[in-house]
N, C-alpha and C. Protein backbone atom coordinates (compact mmCIF):
# COMPACT_ATOMS: atom_id res chain seq x y z
N MET A 1 138.10 47.63 141.16
CA MET A 1 138.98 47.32 142.25
C MET A 1 140.14 48.33 142.16
N VAL A 2 140.59 48.92 143.21
CA VAL A 2 141.71 49.78 143.32
C VAL A 2 142.76 49.11 144.32
N LEU A 3 144.00 49.03 143.75
CA LEU A 3 145.10 48.52 144.60
C LEU A 3 146.03 49.70 144.70
N VAL A 4 146.60 49.94 145.92
CA VAL A 4 147.64 50.89 146.09
C VAL A 4 148.92 50.11 146.53
N VAL A 5 149.88 50.17 145.65
CA VAL A 5 151.09 49.29 145.83
C VAL A 5 152.33 50.25 145.72
N PRO A 6 153.46 49.77 146.20
CA PRO A 6 154.73 50.55 146.10
C PRO A 6 155.01 50.68 144.61
N ASP A 7 155.62 51.83 144.21
CA ASP A 7 155.91 52.14 142.80
C ASP A 7 156.75 51.00 142.08
N ASN A 8 157.69 50.48 142.83
CA ASN A 8 158.59 49.44 142.29
C ASN A 8 157.89 48.09 142.02
N ALA A 9 156.67 47.94 142.60
CA ALA A 9 155.94 46.65 142.45
C ALA A 9 154.71 46.84 141.49
N ALA A 10 154.50 48.02 141.04
CA ALA A 10 153.22 48.40 140.25
C ALA A 10 153.01 47.40 139.01
N GLN A 11 154.04 47.34 138.18
CA GLN A 11 153.95 46.58 136.95
C GLN A 11 153.76 45.06 137.24
N HIS A 12 154.47 44.55 138.22
CA HIS A 12 154.34 43.14 138.56
C HIS A 12 153.00 42.89 139.07
N VAL A 13 152.51 43.75 139.91
CA VAL A 13 151.15 43.45 140.52
C VAL A 13 150.04 43.60 139.42
N ALA A 14 150.28 44.56 138.57
CA ALA A 14 149.32 44.76 137.43
C ALA A 14 149.26 43.53 136.56
N ARG A 15 150.39 42.95 136.20
CA ARG A 15 150.43 41.73 135.37
C ARG A 15 149.82 40.54 136.09
N LEU A 16 150.01 40.49 137.38
CA LEU A 16 149.55 39.36 138.20
C LEU A 16 148.03 39.47 138.19
N CYS A 17 147.51 40.71 138.51
CA CYS A 17 146.07 40.92 138.50
C CYS A 17 145.36 40.62 137.18
N HIS A 18 146.05 41.00 136.04
CA HIS A 18 145.57 40.80 134.74
C HIS A 18 145.43 39.21 134.42
N THR A 19 146.48 38.45 134.83
CA THR A 19 146.48 36.99 134.72
C THR A 19 145.33 36.42 135.42
N HIS A 20 145.16 36.82 136.69
CA HIS A 20 144.03 36.25 137.50
C HIS A 20 142.65 36.64 136.99
N LEU A 21 142.54 37.87 136.55
CA LEU A 21 141.26 38.38 136.04
C LEU A 21 140.97 37.71 134.70
N GLY A 22 142.01 37.33 133.91
CA GLY A 22 141.76 36.59 132.66
C GLY A 22 141.22 35.26 132.89
N ARG A 23 141.48 34.67 133.97
CA ARG A 23 140.94 33.36 134.38
C ARG A 23 139.43 33.44 134.62
N LEU A 24 138.97 34.58 135.00
CA LEU A 24 137.59 34.77 135.29
C LEU A 24 136.72 35.12 134.10
N GLY A 25 137.28 35.74 133.13
CA GLY A 25 136.55 36.15 131.99
C GLY A 25 137.53 36.62 130.82
N ALA A 26 136.90 36.78 129.71
CA ALA A 26 137.68 37.27 128.50
C ALA A 26 138.02 38.78 128.63
N HIS A 27 139.16 39.14 128.05
CA HIS A 27 139.61 40.49 127.84
C HIS A 27 139.60 41.40 129.10
N PRO A 28 140.38 41.04 130.08
CA PRO A 28 140.45 41.94 131.28
C PRO A 28 141.27 43.14 130.98
N ARG A 29 141.11 44.25 131.68
CA ARG A 29 141.79 45.36 131.47
C ARG A 29 142.30 45.88 132.86
N VAL A 30 143.56 46.25 132.93
CA VAL A 30 144.23 46.71 134.14
C VAL A 30 144.85 48.07 133.85
N GLY A 31 144.54 49.11 134.60
CA GLY A 31 145.13 50.41 134.37
C GLY A 31 146.10 50.70 135.51
N VAL A 32 147.28 51.26 135.17
CA VAL A 32 148.30 51.66 136.17
C VAL A 32 148.51 53.17 136.09
N GLY A 33 148.40 53.75 137.29
CA GLY A 33 148.69 55.27 137.39
C GLY A 33 150.06 55.44 137.96
N GLY A 34 150.52 56.66 137.94
CA GLY A 34 151.83 57.01 138.41
C GLY A 34 151.93 57.10 139.91
N CYS A 35 153.11 57.20 140.44
CA CYS A 35 153.36 57.33 141.85
C CYS A 35 153.37 58.75 142.17
N HIS A 36 152.47 59.11 143.09
CA HIS A 36 152.33 60.62 143.57
C HIS A 36 152.27 60.52 145.01
N GLN A 37 152.66 61.57 145.69
CA GLN A 37 152.67 61.67 147.20
C GLN A 37 151.35 62.17 147.69
N GLY A 38 150.98 61.73 148.87
CA GLY A 38 149.87 62.31 149.67
C GLY A 38 148.59 61.70 149.19
N VAL A 39 147.51 62.13 149.94
CA VAL A 39 146.20 61.73 149.64
C VAL A 39 145.73 62.29 148.26
N GLN A 40 146.16 63.50 147.93
CA GLN A 40 145.83 63.98 146.62
C GLN A 40 146.45 63.18 145.56
N GLY A 41 147.71 62.71 145.86
CA GLY A 41 148.44 61.83 144.90
C GLY A 41 147.70 60.59 144.61
N ILE A 42 147.10 60.01 145.59
CA ILE A 42 146.31 58.76 145.30
C ILE A 42 145.15 59.13 144.38
N ARG A 43 144.47 60.21 144.58
CA ARG A 43 143.36 60.56 143.66
C ARG A 43 143.94 60.76 142.20
N ILE A 44 145.04 61.46 142.05
CA ILE A 44 145.61 61.66 140.74
C ILE A 44 146.00 60.28 140.05
N SER A 45 146.64 59.45 140.85
CA SER A 45 147.01 58.10 140.29
C SER A 45 145.86 57.37 139.91
N TYR A 46 144.71 57.39 140.69
CA TYR A 46 143.50 56.66 140.39
C TYR A 46 142.99 57.16 139.06
N LEU A 47 142.91 58.51 138.88
CA LEU A 47 142.39 59.07 137.62
C LEU A 47 143.30 58.71 136.38
N GLU A 48 144.64 58.67 136.63
CA GLU A 48 145.60 58.27 135.62
C GLU A 48 145.29 56.78 135.20
N ALA A 49 145.05 55.93 136.25
CA ALA A 49 144.81 54.55 135.93
C ALA A 49 143.50 54.37 135.12
N ARG A 50 142.51 55.11 135.50
CA ARG A 50 141.28 55.08 134.74
C ARG A 50 141.43 55.54 133.35
N THR A 51 142.23 56.50 133.07
CA THR A 51 142.52 57.05 131.82
C THR A 51 143.27 55.92 130.96
N ALA A 52 144.21 55.29 131.66
CA ALA A 52 144.89 54.26 130.99
C ALA A 52 144.01 53.13 130.50
N LEU A 53 142.92 52.82 131.23
CA LEU A 53 142.03 51.76 130.84
C LEU A 53 141.43 52.03 129.51
N ARG A 54 141.24 53.22 129.06
CA ARG A 54 140.69 53.54 127.77
C ARG A 54 141.52 53.08 126.66
N GLY A 55 142.83 52.64 126.97
CA GLY A 55 143.71 52.16 125.85
C GLY A 55 143.33 50.70 125.39
N GLY A 56 142.40 49.99 126.06
CA GLY A 56 142.03 48.73 125.70
C GLY A 56 142.34 47.64 126.66
N ASP A 57 142.22 46.40 126.03
CA ASP A 57 142.46 45.17 126.88
C ASP A 57 144.02 45.13 127.25
N GLY A 58 144.28 44.35 128.35
CA GLY A 58 145.63 44.17 128.75
C GLY A 58 145.99 45.15 129.92
N VAL A 59 147.30 45.20 130.17
CA VAL A 59 147.83 46.01 131.24
C VAL A 59 148.25 47.35 130.48
N ARG A 60 147.66 48.47 130.95
CA ARG A 60 147.95 49.83 130.29
C ARG A 60 148.44 50.72 131.44
N THR A 61 149.53 51.35 131.02
CA THR A 61 150.13 52.33 132.01
C THR A 61 149.85 53.76 131.49
N HIS A 62 149.51 54.62 132.32
CA HIS A 62 149.21 56.03 131.96
C HIS A 62 150.43 56.74 131.58
N ARG A 63 150.52 57.31 130.36
CA ARG A 63 151.58 58.13 129.91
C ARG A 63 151.11 59.40 129.44
N PRO A 64 151.08 60.49 130.26
CA PRO A 64 150.45 61.75 129.85
C PRO A 64 151.18 62.33 128.64
N ARG A 65 150.49 62.69 127.62
CA ARG A 65 151.09 63.27 126.42
C ARG A 65 150.93 64.84 126.51
N ASP A 66 149.91 65.30 127.25
CA ASP A 66 149.78 66.65 127.43
C ASP A 66 149.45 66.96 128.86
N LEU A 67 150.54 67.16 129.56
CA LEU A 67 150.43 67.29 130.97
C LEU A 67 149.49 68.37 131.50
N PRO A 68 149.50 69.58 130.85
CA PRO A 68 148.56 70.58 131.30
C PRO A 68 147.14 70.22 131.22
N ALA A 69 146.82 69.50 130.13
CA ALA A 69 145.42 69.07 129.98
C ALA A 69 145.09 67.95 131.01
N VAL A 70 146.05 67.04 131.16
CA VAL A 70 145.82 65.95 132.25
C VAL A 70 145.58 66.55 133.57
N LEU A 71 146.41 67.49 133.99
CA LEU A 71 146.28 68.22 135.34
C LEU A 71 145.01 68.87 135.39
N LEU A 72 144.60 69.57 134.37
CA LEU A 72 143.33 70.34 134.30
C LEU A 72 142.17 69.32 134.53
N LEU A 73 142.14 68.24 133.83
CA LEU A 73 141.03 67.27 133.88
C LEU A 73 141.09 66.61 135.22
N THR A 74 142.26 66.32 135.83
CA THR A 74 142.35 65.73 137.09
C THR A 74 141.81 66.75 138.16
N ALA A 75 142.17 67.97 138.03
CA ALA A 75 141.63 68.97 138.98
C ALA A 75 140.08 69.08 138.89
N VAL A 76 139.56 69.03 137.73
CA VAL A 76 138.09 69.15 137.64
C VAL A 76 137.46 67.98 138.30
N GLU A 77 137.97 66.81 137.98
CA GLU A 77 137.21 65.56 138.46
C GLU A 77 137.46 65.36 139.90
N ALA A 78 138.63 65.75 140.43
CA ALA A 78 138.92 65.46 141.86
C ALA A 78 138.57 66.65 142.69
N ARG A 79 138.02 67.73 142.11
CA ARG A 79 137.65 68.89 142.85
C ARG A 79 138.83 69.50 143.62
N VAL A 80 139.94 69.57 142.96
CA VAL A 80 141.10 70.14 143.61
C VAL A 80 141.00 71.60 143.43
N PRO A 81 141.25 72.43 144.42
CA PRO A 81 141.37 73.85 144.32
C PRO A 81 142.59 74.23 143.33
N LEU A 82 142.11 75.02 142.35
CA LEU A 82 143.18 75.41 141.38
C LEU A 82 144.27 76.42 141.88
N TYR A 83 143.71 77.17 142.88
CA TYR A 83 144.65 78.27 143.34
C TYR A 83 145.95 77.71 143.78
N GLU A 84 146.00 76.65 144.55
CA GLU A 84 147.25 76.02 145.03
C GLU A 84 148.08 75.59 143.79
N LEU A 85 147.51 74.91 142.85
CA LEU A 85 148.27 74.39 141.66
C LEU A 85 148.79 75.64 140.84
N SER A 86 147.92 76.69 140.77
CA SER A 86 148.39 77.82 140.07
C SER A 86 149.50 78.58 140.69
N SER A 87 149.48 78.63 142.05
CA SER A 87 150.57 79.23 142.78
C SER A 87 151.93 78.57 142.51
N GLU A 88 151.88 77.17 142.34
CA GLU A 88 153.00 76.44 142.07
C GLU A 88 153.52 76.67 140.59
N VAL A 89 152.66 76.72 139.71
CA VAL A 89 152.89 76.93 138.26
C VAL A 89 153.51 78.39 138.11
N LEU A 90 153.02 79.30 138.80
CA LEU A 90 153.32 80.68 138.67
C LEU A 90 154.44 81.20 139.61
N ALA A 91 154.92 80.31 140.43
CA ALA A 91 155.88 80.70 141.49
C ALA A 91 157.02 81.56 140.98
N PRO A 92 157.71 81.07 139.83
CA PRO A 92 158.86 81.91 139.44
C PRO A 92 158.39 83.35 139.12
N LEU A 93 157.21 83.51 138.55
CA LEU A 93 156.79 84.85 138.21
C LEU A 93 156.44 85.64 139.43
N ILE A 94 155.67 85.02 140.30
CA ILE A 94 155.24 85.62 141.58
C ILE A 94 156.46 86.07 142.39
N ASP A 95 157.54 85.26 142.44
CA ASP A 95 158.69 85.51 143.20
C ASP A 95 159.41 86.74 142.47
N HIS A 96 159.51 86.72 141.23
CA HIS A 96 160.11 87.76 140.48
C HIS A 96 159.44 89.07 140.74
N ASP A 97 158.03 89.05 140.65
CA ASP A 97 157.20 90.27 140.89
C ASP A 97 157.51 90.81 142.26
N GLY A 98 157.57 89.92 143.27
CA GLY A 98 157.81 90.42 144.63
C GLY A 98 159.22 90.96 144.82
N ARG A 99 160.14 90.39 144.24
CA ARG A 99 161.56 90.89 144.46
C ARG A 99 161.88 92.20 143.69
N HIS A 100 161.27 92.29 142.39
CA HIS A 100 161.60 93.39 141.61
C HIS A 100 160.55 94.41 141.39
N HIS A 101 159.36 94.24 142.19
CA HIS A 101 158.26 95.12 141.99
C HIS A 101 157.79 95.26 140.48
N THR A 102 157.68 94.06 139.95
CA THR A 102 157.20 94.04 138.56
C THR A 102 155.76 93.56 138.54
N ASP A 103 155.18 93.31 137.41
CA ASP A 103 153.83 92.79 137.34
C ASP A 103 153.64 91.81 136.24
N LEU A 104 154.59 90.78 136.28
CA LEU A 104 154.62 89.81 135.21
C LEU A 104 153.38 88.95 135.14
N VAL A 105 152.80 88.54 136.31
CA VAL A 105 151.65 87.74 136.35
C VAL A 105 150.52 88.49 135.65
N HIS A 106 150.29 89.76 136.00
CA HIS A 106 149.27 90.53 135.46
C HIS A 106 149.43 90.76 133.91
N THR A 107 150.62 90.99 133.56
CA THR A 107 151.10 91.07 132.11
C THR A 107 150.62 89.80 131.38
N LEU A 108 151.04 88.69 131.95
CA LEU A 108 150.72 87.41 131.31
C LEU A 108 149.24 87.21 131.24
N HIS A 109 148.52 87.44 132.32
CA HIS A 109 147.04 87.31 132.36
C HIS A 109 146.37 88.13 131.32
N THR A 110 146.78 89.35 131.21
CA THR A 110 146.25 90.29 130.16
C THR A 110 146.54 89.79 128.78
N TYR A 111 147.77 89.37 128.53
CA TYR A 111 148.16 88.83 127.20
C TYR A 111 147.31 87.73 126.76
N LEU A 112 147.09 86.88 127.70
CA LEU A 112 146.29 85.62 127.34
C LEU A 112 144.80 85.95 127.17
N ARG A 113 144.28 86.86 127.95
CA ARG A 113 142.94 87.34 127.92
C ARG A 113 142.63 88.05 126.65
N THR A 114 143.63 88.64 126.07
CA THR A 114 143.42 89.36 124.73
C THR A 114 143.71 88.52 123.48
N GLY A 115 143.73 87.16 123.79
CA GLY A 115 143.98 86.29 122.61
C GLY A 115 145.37 86.35 122.17
N CYS A 116 146.34 86.74 122.94
CA CYS A 116 147.74 86.85 122.72
C CYS A 116 148.07 87.91 121.69
N SER A 117 147.23 88.99 121.75
CA SER A 117 147.39 90.14 120.85
C SER A 117 148.32 91.10 121.50
N PRO A 118 149.60 91.38 120.88
CA PRO A 118 150.51 92.29 121.49
C PRO A 118 149.94 93.74 121.49
N ALA A 119 149.23 94.08 120.37
CA ALA A 119 148.69 95.52 120.21
C ALA A 119 147.69 95.74 121.34
N GLU A 120 146.77 94.87 121.42
CA GLU A 120 145.73 95.05 122.56
C GLU A 120 146.21 94.98 123.89
N THR A 121 147.16 94.06 124.13
CA THR A 121 147.86 93.91 125.41
C THR A 121 148.58 95.25 125.77
N SER A 122 149.35 95.71 124.94
CA SER A 122 150.04 96.95 125.07
C SER A 122 149.15 98.14 125.42
N ALA A 123 148.09 98.17 124.65
CA ALA A 123 147.01 99.25 124.94
C ALA A 123 146.49 99.11 126.31
N ARG A 124 146.07 97.89 126.70
CA ARG A 124 145.42 97.78 128.04
C ARG A 124 146.37 97.97 129.09
N LEU A 125 147.70 97.59 128.99
CA LEU A 125 148.57 97.84 129.97
C LEU A 125 149.27 99.21 129.96
N PHE A 126 149.00 99.99 129.04
CA PHE A 126 149.69 101.31 128.77
C PHE A 126 151.16 101.15 128.78
N VAL A 127 151.64 100.27 128.03
CA VAL A 127 153.11 100.07 127.83
C VAL A 127 153.42 100.02 126.33
N HIS A 128 154.62 100.35 126.01
CA HIS A 128 155.14 100.23 124.63
C HIS A 128 155.19 98.86 124.27
N ARG A 129 155.01 98.51 123.01
CA ARG A 129 155.18 97.03 122.48
C ARG A 129 156.53 96.47 122.78
N ASN A 130 157.63 97.29 122.71
CA ASN A 130 158.92 96.77 123.02
C ASN A 130 158.99 96.36 124.58
N THR A 131 158.36 97.06 125.37
CA THR A 131 158.33 96.70 126.85
C THR A 131 157.55 95.43 127.00
N LEU A 132 156.46 95.30 126.30
CA LEU A 132 155.66 94.00 126.30
C LEU A 132 156.57 92.87 125.84
N ARG A 133 157.21 93.01 124.72
CA ARG A 133 158.01 91.98 124.22
C ARG A 133 159.10 91.53 125.22
N TYR A 134 159.74 92.50 125.89
CA TYR A 134 160.63 92.20 126.92
C TYR A 134 160.09 91.41 127.92
N ARG A 135 158.92 91.82 128.47
CA ARG A 135 158.17 91.05 129.53
C ARG A 135 157.82 89.71 129.11
N LEU A 136 157.39 89.62 127.93
CA LEU A 136 156.99 88.16 127.50
C LEU A 136 158.16 87.22 127.33
N ARG A 137 159.32 87.73 126.89
CA ARG A 137 160.47 86.94 126.82
C ARG A 137 160.97 86.53 128.31
N LEU A 138 160.85 87.54 129.20
CA LEU A 138 161.23 87.22 130.58
C LEU A 138 160.26 86.14 131.18
N ILE A 139 158.97 86.26 130.88
CA ILE A 139 157.95 85.28 131.36
C ILE A 139 158.28 83.93 130.84
N GLU A 140 158.63 83.83 129.50
CA GLU A 140 159.02 82.56 128.97
C GLU A 140 160.20 81.95 129.64
N GLN A 141 161.17 82.85 129.91
CA GLN A 141 162.45 82.34 130.55
C GLN A 141 162.20 81.90 131.89
N LEU A 142 161.48 82.68 132.71
CA LEU A 142 161.16 82.29 134.09
C LEU A 142 160.22 81.09 134.26
N SER A 143 159.25 80.92 133.35
CA SER A 143 158.33 79.86 133.51
C SER A 143 158.73 78.65 132.75
N GLY A 144 159.61 78.76 131.82
CA GLY A 144 159.99 77.55 131.01
C GLY A 144 158.96 77.17 130.01
N GLN A 145 157.94 78.10 129.71
CA GLN A 145 156.92 77.87 128.80
C GLN A 145 157.09 78.61 127.49
N ASP A 146 156.72 78.04 126.44
CA ASP A 146 156.83 78.76 125.06
C ASP A 146 155.41 79.27 124.86
N LEU A 147 155.26 80.67 124.94
CA LEU A 147 153.96 81.27 124.88
C LEU A 147 153.31 81.13 123.45
N SER A 148 154.07 80.63 122.44
CA SER A 148 153.53 80.52 121.15
C SER A 148 152.74 79.22 120.95
N THR A 149 152.80 78.21 121.96
CA THR A 149 152.11 77.04 121.84
C THR A 149 150.79 76.99 122.50
N PRO A 150 149.79 76.35 121.89
CA PRO A 150 148.51 76.38 122.47
C PRO A 150 148.45 75.66 123.83
N ALA A 151 149.25 74.61 124.10
CA ALA A 151 149.21 73.93 125.36
C ALA A 151 149.70 74.86 126.51
N ALA A 152 150.71 75.58 126.19
CA ALA A 152 151.27 76.55 127.25
C ALA A 152 150.26 77.61 127.38
N GLN A 153 149.67 78.14 126.35
CA GLN A 153 148.68 79.12 126.54
C GLN A 153 147.46 78.72 127.40
N MET A 154 146.97 77.51 127.14
CA MET A 154 145.82 77.03 127.94
C MET A 154 146.23 76.85 129.37
N HIS A 155 147.39 76.16 129.58
CA HIS A 155 147.95 75.94 130.89
C HIS A 155 148.08 77.28 131.74
N LEU A 156 148.70 78.25 131.11
CA LEU A 156 148.96 79.53 131.79
C LEU A 156 147.72 80.36 131.92
N TRP A 157 146.79 80.23 130.98
CA TRP A 157 145.54 81.01 131.10
C TRP A 157 144.75 80.43 132.30
N VAL A 158 144.69 79.16 132.49
CA VAL A 158 143.94 78.60 133.56
C VAL A 158 144.67 78.97 134.89
N ALA A 159 146.05 78.92 134.85
CA ALA A 159 146.86 79.30 136.11
C ALA A 159 146.66 80.76 136.51
N THR A 160 146.71 81.62 135.48
CA THR A 160 146.61 83.12 135.83
C THR A 160 145.25 83.40 136.26
N THR A 161 144.29 82.81 135.59
CA THR A 161 142.79 83.07 135.97
C THR A 161 142.52 82.59 137.44
N ALA A 162 142.88 81.34 137.68
CA ALA A 162 142.76 80.81 139.01
C ALA A 162 143.44 81.66 140.04
N TRP A 163 144.68 82.02 139.74
CA TRP A 163 145.52 82.78 140.72
C TRP A 163 144.87 84.15 141.03
N THR A 164 144.48 84.88 139.86
CA THR A 164 143.76 86.09 140.04
C THR A 164 142.58 86.00 140.88
N TRP A 165 141.70 84.89 140.75
CA TRP A 165 140.49 84.79 141.53
C TRP A 165 140.82 84.40 142.96
N GLY A 166 141.96 83.93 143.30
CA GLY A 166 142.27 83.67 144.71
C GLY A 166 141.93 82.25 145.18
N PRO A 167 142.05 82.08 146.45
CA PRO A 167 141.84 80.66 147.11
C PRO A 167 140.43 80.07 146.81
N ASP A 168 139.49 80.81 146.46
CA ASP A 168 138.10 80.20 146.18
C ASP A 168 138.08 79.63 144.74
N ALA A 169 138.98 79.91 143.87
CA ALA A 169 138.94 79.36 142.54
C ALA A 169 139.06 77.85 142.45
N ASP A 170 138.18 77.34 141.66
CA ASP A 170 138.13 75.93 141.38
C ASP A 170 138.05 75.64 139.92
N ALA A 171 138.48 74.49 139.50
CA ALA A 171 138.49 74.24 138.05
C ALA A 171 137.14 74.32 137.42
N GLU A 172 136.09 73.84 138.08
CA GLU A 172 134.74 73.98 137.41
C GLU A 172 134.37 75.43 137.15
N SER A 173 134.70 76.31 138.12
CA SER A 173 134.41 77.74 137.97
C SER A 173 135.19 78.37 136.73
N VAL A 174 136.50 78.08 136.76
CA VAL A 174 137.35 78.59 135.70
C VAL A 174 136.97 78.13 134.31
N LEU A 175 136.59 76.85 134.27
CA LEU A 175 136.24 76.30 132.90
C LEU A 175 134.91 76.90 132.38
N THR A 176 134.02 77.24 133.28
CA THR A 176 132.72 77.74 132.87
C THR A 176 132.64 79.26 132.65
N TRP A 177 133.82 79.87 133.02
CA TRP A 177 133.96 81.38 132.89
C TRP A 177 134.28 81.68 131.43
N SER A 178 133.70 82.66 130.94
CA SER A 178 133.92 83.02 129.55
C SER A 178 135.14 84.01 129.45
N VAL A 179 135.98 83.91 128.47
CA VAL A 179 137.05 84.71 128.29
C VAL A 179 136.68 86.24 128.21
N GLY A 180 135.58 86.47 127.63
CA GLY A 180 135.09 87.85 127.54
C GLY A 180 134.65 88.46 128.79
N ASP A 181 134.30 87.60 129.77
CA ASP A 181 133.77 88.15 131.08
C ASP A 181 134.91 88.87 131.83
N ASP A 182 134.45 89.94 132.50
CA ASP A 182 135.52 90.67 133.31
C ASP A 182 135.40 90.22 134.79
N GLN A 183 136.57 89.86 135.27
CA GLN A 183 136.56 89.26 136.67
C GLN A 183 137.48 90.15 137.51
């Protein structure tokens, strides 16, 4: 059963449902997703509530611990085109590239595709390592991501790959593509 209720009533309705379901049988489970806008938001909330159910009996509220992974899994399951999500994630870099005629998105994509190897990235981009270091610091500053963390690397690799592929990119294609493949 799926119920869509106002955000301020979610916990009350969830506890009420749990109580009534408990009268029908032992160990009821109720999952609560977050409040998101639009039709796509309903899908995301539904998937969050399903994830919360894995927590066991009772009323469980979805609390994402790794937002990039949750968004990626949601995109795969809901068949959401990743290009749109990637454009939002990369917006600060795309804007900077457009205003200053730089190539930060390409730099980031190359860096991530080389396994975050500064030497190999510098060689592929034909830039000095100090230039690459400057670009990477700027990318971290603009994106708000720490490129040394695996979560940020995964999130940004998916984003740059999907953005590079364009509007036809979807999560399933990106996930089945091998890092060694040339696109």
